[in-house]
Amino acid sequence: KRVRHFAKDMRREPTDAEAAMWRLLRDRRLARFQFRRQVPFQKFILDFVCFEKHVVIEIDGSQHAASERDAARDSILMAEGFQIERYWNNDVLRQPSAVLKDILAKLAER
């Protein structure tokens, strides 16, 4: 219940990069793939997820560089069949078309 409440808060107050990514992914805008944002999953909150392809997209700032916690989280999600793709905030804000192109390629591989 606490995770769900925190996810709602995160949907209401996204970072600039998360808001920019959501504008690009929402309403099946990327090749008709459906994404959801700030989704509670087990004890985690997934930034963006396409359940159809089991792809999780995380938008990260510098605090996530070489994070052991993220590595442990990723291994749990991979054991559940998810592929995790991470993009830096700066890339989303400055090169959104390159990020979308990469995401589309990852979805096509699945």
PDB file of N, CA and C in Angstrom:
ATOM      1  N   LYS A   1       0.834  -1.192   0.000  1.00  0.00           N
ATOM      2  CA  LYS A   1       0.000   0.000   0.000  1.00  0.00           C
ATOM      3  C   LYS A   1       0.878   1.256   0.000  1.00  0.00           C
ATOM      4  N   ARG A   2       1.976   1.221   0.737  1.00  0.00           N
ATOM      5  CA  ARG A   2       2.889   2.359   0.792  1.00  0.00           C
ATOM      6  C   ARG A   2       3.525   2.620  -0.572  1.00  0.00           C
ATOM      7  N   VAL A   3       3.862   1.537  -1.287  1.00  0.00           N
ATOM      8  CA  VAL A   3       4.474   1.672  -2.614  1.00  0.00           C
ATOM      9  C   VAL A   3       3.483   2.301  -3.581  1.00  0.00           C
ATOM     10  N   ARG A   4       2.226   1.877  -3.522  1.00  0.00           N
ATOM     11  CA  ARG A   4       1.200   2.450  -4.396  1.00  0.00           C
ATOM     12  C   ARG A   4       1.011   3.945  -4.147  1.00  0.00           C
ATOM     13  N   HIS A   5       1.004   4.327  -2.890  1.00  0.00           N
ATOM     14  CA  HIS A   5       0.853   5.744  -2.541  1.00  0.00           C
ATOM     15  C   HIS A   5       2.045   6.553  -3.069  1.00  0.00           C
ATOM     16  N   PHE A   6       3.245   6.009  -2.911  1.00  0.00           N
ATOM     17  CA  PHE A   6       4.436   6.695  -3.397  1.00  0.00           C
ATOM     18  C   PHE A   6       4.407   6.798  -4.926  1.00  0.00           C
ATOM     19  N   ALA A   7       3.933   5.755  -5.607  1.00  0.00           N
ATOM     20  CA  ALA A   7       3.833   5.781  -7.073  1.00  0.00           C
ATOM     21  C   ALA A   7       2.870   6.887  -7.525  1.00  0.00           C
ATOM     22  N   LYS A   8       1.760   7.043  -6.827  1.00  0.00           N
ATOM     23  CA  LYS A   8       0.809   8.113  -7.161  1.00  0.00           C
ATOM     24  C   LYS A   8       1.467   9.478  -7.013  1.00  0.00           C
ATOM     25  N   ASP A   9       2.218   9.645  -5.936  1.00  0.00           N
ATOM     26  CA  ASP A   9       2.926  10.907  -5.735  1.00  0.00           C
ATOM     27  C   ASP A   9       3.912  11.167  -6.862  1.00  0.00           C
ATOM     28  N   MET A  10       4.607  10.133  -7.288  1.00  0.00           N
ATOM     29  CA  MET A  10       5.590  10.282  -8.361  1.00  0.00           C
ATOM     30  C   MET A  10       4.918  10.608  -9.698  1.00  0.00           C
ATOM     31  N   ARG A  11       3.708  10.092  -9.926  1.00  0.00           N
ATOM     32  CA  ARG A  11       2.973  10.440 -11.149  1.00  0.00           C
ATOM     33  C   ARG A  11       2.546  11.902 -11.122  1.00  0.00           C
ATOM     34  N   ARG A  12       2.194  12.399  -9.939  1.00  0.00           N
ATOM     35  CA  ARG A  12       1.763  13.790  -9.806  1.00  0.00           C
ATOM     36  C   ARG A  12       2.915  14.775  -9.933  1.00  0.00           C
ATOM     37  N   GLU A  13       4.113  14.366  -9.529  1.00  0.00           N
ATOM     38  CA  GLU A  13       5.261  15.266  -9.516  1.00  0.00           C
ATOM     39  C   GLU A  13       6.471  14.620 -10.202  1.00  0.00           C
ATOM     40  N   PRO A  14       6.405  14.420 -11.510  1.00  0.00           N
ATOM     41  CA  PRO A  14       7.528  13.772 -12.205  1.00  0.00           C
ATOM     42  C   PRO A  14       8.718  14.719 -12.339  1.00  0.00           C
ATOM     43  N   THR A  15       9.881  14.123 -12.553  1.00  0.00           N
ATOM     44  CA  THR A  15      11.043  14.945 -12.877  1.00  0.00           C
ATOM     45  C   THR A  15      10.833  15.499 -14.289  1.00  0.00           C
ATOM     46  N   ASP A  16      11.633  16.471 -14.670  1.00  0.00           N
ATOM     47  CA  ASP A  16      11.519  17.035 -16.019  1.00  0.00           C
ATOM     48  C   ASP A  16      11.729  15.952 -17.077  1.00  0.00           C
ATOM     49  N   ALA A  17      12.712  15.099 -16.854  1.00  0.00           N
ATOM     50  CA  ALA A  17      13.011  14.043 -17.825  1.00  0.00           C
ATOM     51  C   ALA A  17      11.878  13.024 -17.898  1.00  0.00           C
ATOM     52  N   GLU A  18      11.302  12.663 -16.758  1.00  0.00           N
ATOM     53  CA  GLU A  18      10.184  11.714 -16.764  1.00  0.00           C
ATOM     54  C   GLU A  18       8.967  12.315 -17.465  1.00  0.00           C
ATOM     55  N   ALA A  19       8.696  13.583 -17.230  1.00  0.00           N
ATOM     56  CA  ALA A  19       7.572  14.248 -17.898  1.00  0.00           C
ATOM     57  C   ALA A  19       7.795  14.284 -19.406  1.00  0.00           C
ATOM     58  N   ALA A  20       9.015  14.577 -19.821  1.00  0.00           N
ATOM     59  CA  ALA A  20       9.324  14.612 -21.253  1.00  0.00           C
ATOM     60  C   ALA A  20       9.170  13.223 -21.875  1.00  0.00           C
ATOM     61  N   MET A  21       9.645  12.196 -21.187  1.00  0.00           N
ATOM     62  CA  MET A  21       9.524  10.828 -21.710  1.00  0.00           C
ATOM     63  C   MET A  21       8.058  10.412 -21.789  1.00  0.00           C
ATOM     64  N   TRP A  22       7.269  10.770 -20.793  1.00  0.00           N
ATOM     65  CA  TRP A  22       5.857  10.399 -20.802  1.00  0.00           C
ATOM     66  C   TRP A  22       5.120  11.051 -21.972  1.00  0.00           C
ATOM     67  N   ARG A  23       5.467  12.287 -22.297  1.00  0.00           N
ATOM     68  CA  ARG A  23       4.842  12.939 -23.455  1.00  0.00           C
ATOM     69  C   ARG A  23       5.136  12.172 -24.739  1.00  0.00           C
ATOM     70  N   LEU A  24       6.262  11.496 -24.797  1.00  0.00           N
ATOM     71  CA  LEU A  24       6.650  10.737 -25.991  1.00  0.00           C
ATOM     72  C   LEU A  24       6.049   9.331 -26.033  1.00  0.00           C
ATOM     73  N   LEU A  25       5.780   8.760 -24.866  1.00  0.00           N
ATOM     74  CA  LEU A  25       5.319   7.367 -24.811  1.00  0.00           C
ATOM     75  C   LEU A  25       3.812   7.211 -24.615  1.00  0.00           C
ATOM     76  N   ARG A  26       3.177   8.198 -24.048  1.00  0.00           N
ATOM     77  CA  ARG A  26       1.767   8.037 -23.667  1.00  0.00           C
ATOM     78  C   ARG A  26       0.869   7.842 -24.890  1.00  0.00           C
ATOM     79  N   ASP A  27      -0.315   7.317 -24.643  1.00  0.00           N
ATOM     80  CA  ASP A  27      -1.340   7.139 -25.684  1.00  0.00           C
ATOM     81  C   ASP A  27      -0.840   6.328 -26.883  1.00  0.00           C
ATOM     82  N   ARG A  28       0.017   5.357 -26.606  1.00  0.00           N
ATOM     83  CA  ARG A  28       0.533   4.459 -27.668  1.00  0.00           C
ATOM     84  C   ARG A  28       1.237   5.231 -28.780  1.00  0.00           C
ATOM     85  N   ARG A  29       1.919   6.308 -28.440  1.00  0.00           N
ATOM     86  CA  ARG A  29       2.577   7.149 -29.436  1.00  0.00           C
ATOM     87  C   ARG A  29       3.805   6.511 -30.059  1.00  0.00           C
ATOM     88  N   LEU A  30       4.416   5.556 -29.386  1.00  0.00           N
ATOM     89  CA  LEU A  30       5.601   4.906 -29.925  1.00  0.00           C
ATOM     90  C   LEU A  30       5.194   3.580 -30.558  1.00  0.00           C
ATOM     91  N   ALA A  31       4.966   3.605 -31.851  1.00  0.00           N
ATOM     92  CA  ALA A  31       4.652   2.407 -32.639  1.00  0.00           C
ATOM     93  C   ALA A  31       3.503   1.596 -32.039  1.00  0.00           C
ATOM     94  N   ARG A  32       2.573   2.297 -31.432  1.00  0.00           N
ATOM     95  CA  ARG A  32       1.355   1.690 -30.884  1.00  0.00           C
ATOM     96  C   ARG A  32       1.602   0.803 -29.661  1.00  0.00           C
ATOM     97  N   PHE A  33       2.806   0.851 -29.061  1.00  0.00           N
ATOM     98  CA  PHE A  33       3.075   0.098 -27.835  1.00  0.00           C
ATOM     99  C   PHE A  33       2.491   0.843 -26.647  1.00  0.00           C
ATOM    100  N   GLN A  34       1.844   0.111 -25.766  1.00  0.00           N
ATOM    101  CA  GLN A  34       1.241   0.728 -24.592  1.00  0.00           C
ATOM    102  C   GLN A  34       2.240   0.731 -23.439  1.00  0.00           C
ATOM    103  N   PHE A  35       2.483   1.909 -22.913  1.00  0.00           N
ATOM    104  CA  PHE A  35       3.344   2.071 -21.745  1.00  0.00           C
ATOM    105  C   PHE A  35       2.520   2.589 -20.592  1.00  0.00           C
ATOM    106  N   ARG A  36       2.917   2.197 -19.405  1.00  0.00           N
ATOM    107  CA  ARG A  36       2.358   2.754 -18.177  1.00  0.00           C
ATOM    108  C   ARG A  36       3.512   3.400 -17.427  1.00  0.00           C
ATOM    109  N   ARG A  37       3.206   4.371 -16.598  1.00  0.00           N
ATOM    110  CA  ARG A  37       4.279   5.068 -15.875  1.00  0.00           C
ATOM    111  C   ARG A  37       4.104   4.938 -14.372  1.00  0.00           C
ATOM    112  N   GLN A  38       5.230   4.967 -13.686  1.00  0.00           N
ATOM    113  CA  GLN A  38       5.288   4.881 -12.235  1.00  0.00           C
ATOM    114  C   GLN A  38       4.386   3.753 -11.726  1.00  0.00           C
ATOM    115  N   VAL A  39       4.721   2.545 -12.159  1.00  0.00           N
ATOM    116  CA  VAL A  39       3.909   1.372 -11.877  1.00  0.00           C
ATOM    117  C   VAL A  39       4.482   0.597 -10.689  1.00  0.00           C
ATOM    118  N   PRO A  40       3.687   0.381  -9.646  1.00  0.00           N
ATOM    119  CA  PRO A  40       4.154  -0.475  -8.557  1.00  0.00           C
ATOM    120  C   PRO A  40       4.267  -1.916  -9.054  1.00  0.00           C
ATOM    121  N   PHE A  41       5.398  -2.545  -8.772  1.00  0.00           N
ATOM    122  CA  PHE A  41       5.615  -3.941  -9.125  1.00  0.00           C
ATOM    123  C   PHE A  41       6.440  -4.548  -8.009  1.00  0.00           C
ATOM    124  N   GLN A  42       5.859  -5.516  -7.323  1.00  0.00           N
ATOM    125  CA  GLN A  42       6.444  -6.075  -6.108  1.00  0.00           C
ATOM    126  C   GLN A  42       6.748  -4.916  -5.155  1.00  0.00           C
ATOM    127  N   LYS A  43       7.983  -4.757  -4.747  1.00  0.00           N
ATOM    128  CA  LYS A  43       8.315  -3.674  -3.822  1.00  0.00           C
ATOM    129  C   LYS A  43       8.971  -2.488  -4.527  1.00  0.00           C
ATOM    130  N   PHE A  44       8.878  -2.465  -5.852  1.00  0.00           N
ATOM    131  CA  PHE A  44       9.525  -1.441  -6.653  1.00  0.00           C
ATOM    132  C   PHE A  44       8.496  -0.563  -7.361  1.00  0.00           C
ATOM    133  N   ILE A  45       8.986   0.574  -7.857  1.00  0.00           N
ATOM    134  CA  ILE A  45       8.178   1.416  -8.742  1.00  0.00           C
ATOM    135  C   ILE A  45       8.950   1.521 -10.047  1.00  0.00           C
ATOM    136  N   LEU A  46       8.316   1.076 -11.127  1.00  0.00           N
ATOM    137  CA  LEU A  46       8.933   1.101 -12.443  1.00  0.00           C
ATOM    138  C   LEU A  46       8.598   2.427 -13.106  1.00  0.00           C
ATOM    139  N   ASP A  47       9.620   3.135 -13.598  1.00  0.00           N
ATOM    140  CA  ASP A  47       9.364   4.435 -14.230  1.00  0.00           C
ATOM    141  C   ASP A  47       8.371   4.286 -15.376  1.00  0.00           C
ATOM    142  N   PHE A  48       8.700   3.428 -16.341  1.00  0.00           N
ATOM    143  CA  PHE A  48       7.827   3.157 -17.489  1.00  0.00           C
ATOM    144  C   PHE A  48       7.919   1.670 -17.792  1.00  0.00           C
ATOM    145  N   VAL A  49       6.793   1.071 -18.145  1.00  0.00           N
ATOM    146  CA  VAL A  49       6.816  -0.356 -18.466  1.00  0.00           C
ATOM    147  C   VAL A  49       5.851  -0.649 -19.602  1.00  0.00           C
ATOM    148  N   CYS A  50       6.312  -1.497 -20.506  1.00  0.00           N
ATOM    149  CA  CYS A  50       5.471  -2.054 -21.558  1.00  0.00           C
ATOM    150  C   CYS A  50       5.292  -3.529 -21.201  1.00  0.00           C
ATOM    151  N   PHE A  51       4.132  -3.882 -20.652  1.00  0.00           N
ATOM    152  CA  PHE A  51       3.908  -5.255 -20.225  1.00  0.00           C
ATOM    153  C   PHE A  51       3.833  -6.211 -21.404  1.00  0.00           C
ATOM    154  N   GLU A  52       3.369  -5.721 -22.536  1.00  0.00           N
ATOM    155  CA  GLU A  52       3.272  -6.552 -23.734  1.00  0.00           C
ATOM    156  C   GLU A  52       4.633  -7.142 -24.105  1.00  0.00           C
ATOM    157  N   LYS A  53       5.681  -6.336 -24.017  1.00  0.00           N
ATOM    158  CA  LYS A  53       7.030  -6.770 -24.390  1.00  0.00           C
ATOM    159  C   LYS A  53       7.924  -7.029 -23.182  1.00  0.00           C
ATOM    160  N   HIS A  54       7.407  -6.841 -21.994  1.00  0.00           N
ATOM    161  CA  HIS A  54       8.187  -7.012 -20.759  1.00  0.00           C
ATOM    162  C   HIS A  54       9.453  -6.147 -20.773  1.00  0.00           C
ATOM    163  N   VAL A  55       9.285  -4.880 -21.112  1.00  0.00           N
ATOM    164  CA  VAL A  55      10.405  -3.938 -21.143  1.00  0.00           C
ATOM    165  C   VAL A  55      10.132  -2.836 -20.126  1.00  0.00           C
ATOM    166  N   VAL A  56      11.136  -2.607 -19.288  1.00  0.00           N
ATOM    167  CA  VAL A  56      11.087  -1.539 -18.293  1.00  0.00           C
ATOM    168  C   VAL A  56      12.069  -0.457 -18.728  1.00  0.00           C
ATOM    169  N   ILE A  57      11.620   0.777 -18.687  1.00  0.00           N
ATOM    170  CA  ILE A  57      12.480   1.905 -19.028  1.00  0.00           C
ATOM    171  C   ILE A  57      12.654   2.743 -17.770  1.00  0.00           C
ATOM    172  N   GLU A  58      13.902   2.936 -17.398  1.00  0.00           N
ATOM    173  CA  GLU A  58      14.230   3.742 -16.231  1.00  0.00           C
ATOM    174  C   GLU A  58      14.940   5.003 -16.699  1.00  0.00           C
ATOM    175  N   ILE A  59      14.502   6.128 -16.175  1.00  0.00           N
ATOM    176  CA  ILE A  59      15.117   7.416 -16.471  1.00  0.00           C
ATOM    177  C   ILE A  59      15.869   7.829 -15.211  1.00  0.00           C
ATOM    178  N   ASP A  60      17.191   7.910 -15.321  1.00  0.00           N
ATOM    179  CA  ASP A  60      18.022   8.074 -14.138  1.00  0.00           C
ATOM    180  C   ASP A  60      18.865   9.333 -14.161  1.00  0.00           C
ATOM    181  N   GLY A  61      19.105   9.836 -12.963  1.00  0.00           N
ATOM    182  CA  GLY A  61      20.057  10.917 -12.759  1.00  0.00           C
ATOM    183  C   GLY A  61      21.378  10.333 -12.287  1.00  0.00           C
ATOM    184  N   SER A  62      22.316  11.183 -11.999  1.00  0.00           N
ATOM    185  CA  SER A  62      23.661  10.743 -11.642  1.00  0.00           C
ATOM    186  C   SER A  62      23.699   9.927 -10.347  1.00  0.00           C
ATOM    187  N   GLN A  63      22.700  10.057  -9.490  1.00  0.00           N
ATOM    188  CA  GLN A  63      22.691   9.299  -8.243  1.00  0.00           C
ATOM    189  C   GLN A  63      22.586   7.798  -8.489  1.00  0.00           C
ATOM    190  N   HIS A  64      22.214   7.397  -9.694  1.00  0.00           N
ATOM    191  CA  HIS A  64      22.061   5.979 -10.016  1.00  0.00           C
ATOM    192  C   HIS A  64      23.321   5.369 -10.635  1.00  0.00           C
ATOM    193  N   ALA A  65      24.335   6.154 -10.862  1.00  0.00           N
ATOM    194  CA  ALA A  65      25.565   5.629 -11.471  1.00  0.00           C
ATOM    195  C   ALA A  65      26.181   4.592 -10.538  1.00  0.00           C
ATOM    196  N   ALA A  66      26.361   3.403 -11.066  1.00  0.00           N
ATOM    197  CA  ALA A  66      26.986   2.297 -10.317  1.00  0.00           C
ATOM    198  C   ALA A  66      26.281   1.995  -8.993  1.00  0.00           C
ATOM    199  N   SER A  67      24.974   2.066  -8.987  1.00  0.00           N
ATOM    200  CA  SER A  67      24.194   1.814  -7.780  1.00  0.00           C
ATOM    201  C   SER A  67      24.014   0.310  -7.555  1.00  0.00           C
ATOM    202  N   GLU A  68      24.451  -0.169  -6.400  1.00  0.00           N
ATOM    203  CA  GLU A  68      24.274  -1.583  -6.061  1.00  0.00           C
ATOM    204  C   GLU A  68      22.803  -1.911  -5.883  1.00  0.00           C
ATOM    205  N   ARG A  69      22.054  -0.967  -5.366  1.00  0.00           N
ATOM    206  CA  ARG A  69      20.619  -1.177  -5.169  1.00  0.00           C
ATOM    207  C   ARG A  69      19.914  -1.382  -6.517  1.00  0.00           C
ATOM    208  N   ASP A  70      20.291  -0.567  -7.515  1.00  0.00           N
ATOM    209  CA  ASP A  70      19.708  -0.729  -8.852  1.00  0.00           C
ATOM    210  C   ASP A  70      20.090  -2.070  -9.462  1.00  0.00           C
ATOM    211  N   ALA A  71      21.320  -2.511  -9.246  1.00  0.00           N
ATOM    212  CA  ALA A  71      21.757  -3.801  -9.782  1.00  0.00           C
ATOM    213  C   ALA A  71      20.954  -4.946  -9.169  1.00  0.00           C
ATOM    214  N   ALA A  72      20.711  -4.886  -7.879  1.00  0.00           N
ATOM    215  CA  ALA A  72      19.908  -5.919  -7.213  1.00  0.00           C
ATOM    216  C   ALA A  72      18.471  -5.890  -7.725  1.00  0.00           C
ATOM    217  N   ARG A  73      17.925  -4.702  -7.877  1.00  0.00           N
ATOM    218  CA  ARG A  73      16.562  -4.530  -8.396  1.00  0.00           C
ATOM    219  C   ARG A  73      16.459  -5.091  -9.811  1.00  0.00           C
ATOM    220  N   ASP A  74      17.455  -4.758 -10.644  1.00  0.00           N
ATOM    221  CA  ASP A  74      17.463  -5.244 -12.024  1.00  0.00           C
ATOM    222  C   ASP A  74      17.499  -6.767 -12.081  1.00  0.00           C
ATOM    223  N   SER A  75      18.279  -7.395 -11.218  1.00  0.00           N
ATOM    224  CA  SER A  75      18.360  -8.858 -11.258  1.00  0.00           C
ATOM    225  C   SER A  75      17.027  -9.491 -10.870  1.00  0.00           C
ATOM    226  N   ILE A  76      16.312  -8.885  -9.921  1.00  0.00           N
ATOM    227  CA  ILE A  76      14.987  -9.392  -9.549  1.00  0.00           C
ATOM    228  C   ILE A  76      14.020  -9.239 -10.720  1.00  0.00           C
ATOM    229  N   LEU A  77      14.040  -8.075 -11.371  1.00  0.00           N
ATOM    230  CA  LEU A  77      13.142  -7.846 -12.506  1.00  0.00           C
ATOM    231  C   LEU A  77      13.486  -8.767 -13.679  1.00  0.00           C
ATOM    232  N   MET A  78      14.772  -8.992 -13.921  1.00  0.00           N
ATOM    233  CA  MET A  78      15.168  -9.904 -15.007  1.00  0.00           C
ATOM    234  C   MET A  78      14.713 -11.328 -14.718  1.00  0.00           C
ATOM    235  N   ALA A  79      14.747 -11.725 -13.452  1.00  0.00           N
ATOM    236  CA  ALA A  79      14.257 -13.054 -13.082  1.00  0.00           C
ATOM    237  C   ALA A  79      12.759 -13.187 -13.349  1.00  0.00           C
ATOM    238  N   GLU A  80      12.055 -12.058 -13.352  1.00  0.00           N
ATOM    239  CA  GLU A  80      10.621 -12.037 -13.669  1.00  0.00           C
ATOM    240  C   GLU A  80      10.367 -11.928 -15.173  1.00  0.00           C
ATOM    241  N   GLY A  81      11.436 -11.873 -15.962  1.00  0.00           N
ATOM    242  CA  GLY A  81      11.294 -11.847 -17.412  1.00  0.00           C
ATOM    243  C   GLY A  81      11.345 -10.472 -18.049  1.00  0.00           C
ATOM    244  N   PHE A  82      11.684  -9.454 -17.274  1.00  0.00           N
ATOM    245  CA  PHE A  82      11.749  -8.099 -17.814  1.00  0.00           C
ATOM    246  C   PHE A  82      13.135  -7.777 -18.352  1.00  0.00           C
ATOM    247  N   GLN A  83      13.156  -6.954 -19.368  1.00  0.00           N
ATOM    248  CA  GLN A  83      14.390  -6.357 -19.873  1.00  0.00           C
ATOM    249  C   GLN A  83      14.394  -4.921 -19.390  1.00  0.00           C
ATOM    250  N   ILE A  84      15.490  -4.496 -18.779  1.00  0.00           N
ATOM    251  CA  ILE A  84      15.571  -3.162 -18.226  1.00  0.00           C
ATOM    252  C   ILE A  84      16.474  -2.304 -19.094  1.00  0.00           C
ATOM    253  N   GLU A  85      15.962  -1.151 -19.496  1.00  0.00           N
ATOM    254  CA  GLU A  85      16.727  -0.190 -20.289  1.00  0.00           C
ATOM    255  C   GLU A  85      16.818   1.099 -19.488  1.00  0.00           C
ATOM    256  N   ARG A  86      18.037   1.593 -19.332  1.00  0.00           N
ATOM    257  CA  ARG A  86      18.265   2.808 -18.545  1.00  0.00           C
ATOM    258  C   ARG A  86      18.761   3.928 -19.446  1.00  0.00           C
ATOM    259  N   TYR A  87      18.209   5.109 -19.223  1.00  0.00           N
ATOM    260  CA  TYR A  87      18.611   6.303 -19.964  1.00  0.00           C
ATOM    261  C   TYR A  87      18.845   7.424 -18.973  1.00  0.00           C
ATOM    262  N   TRP A  88      19.846   8.232 -19.251  1.00  0.00           N
ATOM    263  CA  TRP A  88      20.158   9.366 -18.396  1.00  0.00           C
ATOM    264  C   TRP A  88      19.169  10.500 -18.651  1.00  0.00           C
ATOM    265  N   ASN A  89      18.889  11.248 -17.609  1.00  0.00           N
ATOM    266  CA  ASN A  89      18.008  12.416 -17.727  1.00  0.00           C
ATOM    267  C   ASN A  89      18.436  13.325 -18.875  1.00  0.00           C
ATOM    268  N   ASN A  90      19.732  13.622 -18.956  1.00  0.00           N
ATOM    269  CA  ASN A  90      20.239  14.529 -19.993  1.00  0.00           C
ATOM    270  C   ASN A  90      19.960  14.006 -21.394  1.00  0.00           C
ATOM    271  N   ASP A  91      20.078  12.702 -21.584  1.00  0.00           N
ATOM    272  CA  ASP A  91      19.810  12.129 -22.908  1.00  0.00           C
ATOM    273  C   ASP A  91      18.345  12.307 -23.294  1.00  0.00           C
ATOM    274  N   VAL A  92      17.457  12.081 -22.342  1.00  0.00           N
ATOM    275  CA  VAL A  92      16.019  12.232 -22.608  1.00  0.00           C
ATOM    276  C   VAL A  92      15.692  13.677 -22.951  1.00  0.00           C
ATOM    277  N   LEU A  93      16.295  14.603 -22.237  1.00  0.00           N
ATOM    278  CA  LEU A  93      15.990  16.016 -22.441  1.00  0.00           C
ATOM    279  C   LEU A  93      16.662  16.600 -23.677  1.00  0.00           C
ATOM    280  N   ARG A  94      17.858  16.116 -24.009  1.00  0.00           N
ATOM    281  CA  ARG A  94      18.615  16.717 -25.107  1.00  0.00           C
ATOM    282  C   ARG A  94      18.574  15.935 -26.401  1.00  0.00           C
ATOM    283  N   GLN A  95      18.369  14.624 -26.319  1.00  0.00           N
ATOM    284  CA  GLN A  95      18.367  13.778 -27.522  1.00  0.00           C
ATOM    285  C   GLN A  95      17.177  12.819 -27.504  1.00  0.00           C
ATOM    286  N   PRO A  96      15.971  13.328 -27.365  1.00  0.00           N
ATOM    287  CA  PRO A  96      14.822  12.424 -27.232  1.00  0.00           C
ATOM    288  C   PRO A  96      14.622  11.510 -28.432  1.00  0.00           C
ATOM    289  N   SER A  97      14.908  11.969 -29.639  1.00  0.00           N
ATOM    290  CA  SER A  97      14.699  11.106 -30.808  1.00  0.00           C
ATOM    291  C   SER A  97      15.675   9.930 -30.788  1.00  0.00           C
ATOM    292  N   ALA A  98      16.892  10.134 -30.324  1.00  0.00           N
ATOM    293  CA  ALA A  98      17.864   9.033 -30.229  1.00  0.00           C
ATOM    294  C   ALA A  98      17.413   8.020 -29.178  1.00  0.00           C
ATOM    295  N   VAL A  99      16.876   8.505 -28.066  1.00  0.00           N
ATOM    296  CA  VAL A  99      16.384   7.610 -27.020  1.00  0.00           C
ATOM    297  C   VAL A  99      15.201   6.801 -27.541  1.00  0.00           C
ATOM    298  N   LEU A 100      14.259   7.457 -28.210  1.00  0.00           N
ATOM    299  CA  LEU A 100      13.103   6.744 -28.765  1.00  0.00           C
ATOM    300  C   LEU A 100      13.523   5.712 -29.794  1.00  0.00           C
ATOM    301  N   LYS A 101      14.479   6.052 -30.622  1.00  0.00           N
ATOM    302  CA  LYS A 101      14.969   5.110 -31.633  1.00  0.00           C
ATOM    303  C   LYS A 101      15.564   3.878 -30.951  1.00  0.00           C
ATOM    304  N   ASP A 102      16.307   4.079 -29.888  1.00  0.00           N
ATOM    305  CA  ASP A 102      16.897   2.963 -29.155  1.00  0.00           C
ATOM    306  C   ASP A 102      15.813   2.112 -28.487  1.00  0.00           C
ATOM    307  N   ILE A 103      14.828   2.762 -27.886  1.00  0.00           N
ATOM    308  CA  ILE A 103      13.733   2.028 -27.253  1.00  0.00           C
ATOM    309  C   ILE A 103      12.976   1.198 -28.283  1.00  0.00           C
ATOM    310  N   LEU A 104      12.710   1.780 -29.430  1.00  0.00           N
ATOM    311  CA  LEU A 104      12.005   1.062 -30.489  1.00  0.00           C
ATOM    312  C   LEU A 104      12.796  -0.161 -30.939  1.00  0.00           C
ATOM    313  N   ALA A 105      14.097  -0.032 -31.063  1.00  0.00           N
ATOM    314  CA  ALA A 105      14.951  -1.166 -31.433  1.00  0.00           C
ATOM    315  C   ALA A 105      14.886  -2.259 -30.363  1.00  0.00           C
ATOM    316  N   LYS A 106      14.905  -1.882 -29.092  1.00  0.00           N
ATOM    317  CA  LYS A 106      14.820  -2.871 -28.000  1.00  0.00           C
ATOM    318  C   LYS A 106      13.471  -3.586 -28.012  1.00  0.00           C
ATOM    319  N   LEU A 107      12.402  -2.841 -28.280  1.00  0.00           N
ATOM    320  CA  LEU A 107      11.075  -3.459 -28.353  1.00  0.00           C
ATOM    321  C   LEU A 107      10.999  -4.427 -29.534  1.00  0.00           C
ATOM    322  N   ALA A 108      11.612  -4.079 -30.647  1.00  0.00           N
ATOM    323  CA  ALA A 108      11.585  -4.953 -31.827  1.00  0.00           C
ATOM    324  C   ALA A 108      12.334  -6.252 -31.569  1.00  0.00           C
ATOM    325  N   GLU A 109      13.355  -6.209 -30.722  1.00  0.00           N
ATOM    326  CA  GLU A 109      14.124  -7.414 -30.406  1.00  0.00           C
ATOM    327  C   GLU A 109      13.317  -8.389 -29.581  1.00  0.00           C
ATOM    328  N   ARG A 110      12.344  -7.903 -28.834  1.00  0.00           N
ATOM    329  CA  ARG A 110      11.552  -8.753 -27.934  1.00  0.00           C
ATOM    330  C   ARG A 110      10.435  -9.351 -28.722  1.00  0.00           C
TER     331      ARG A 110
END
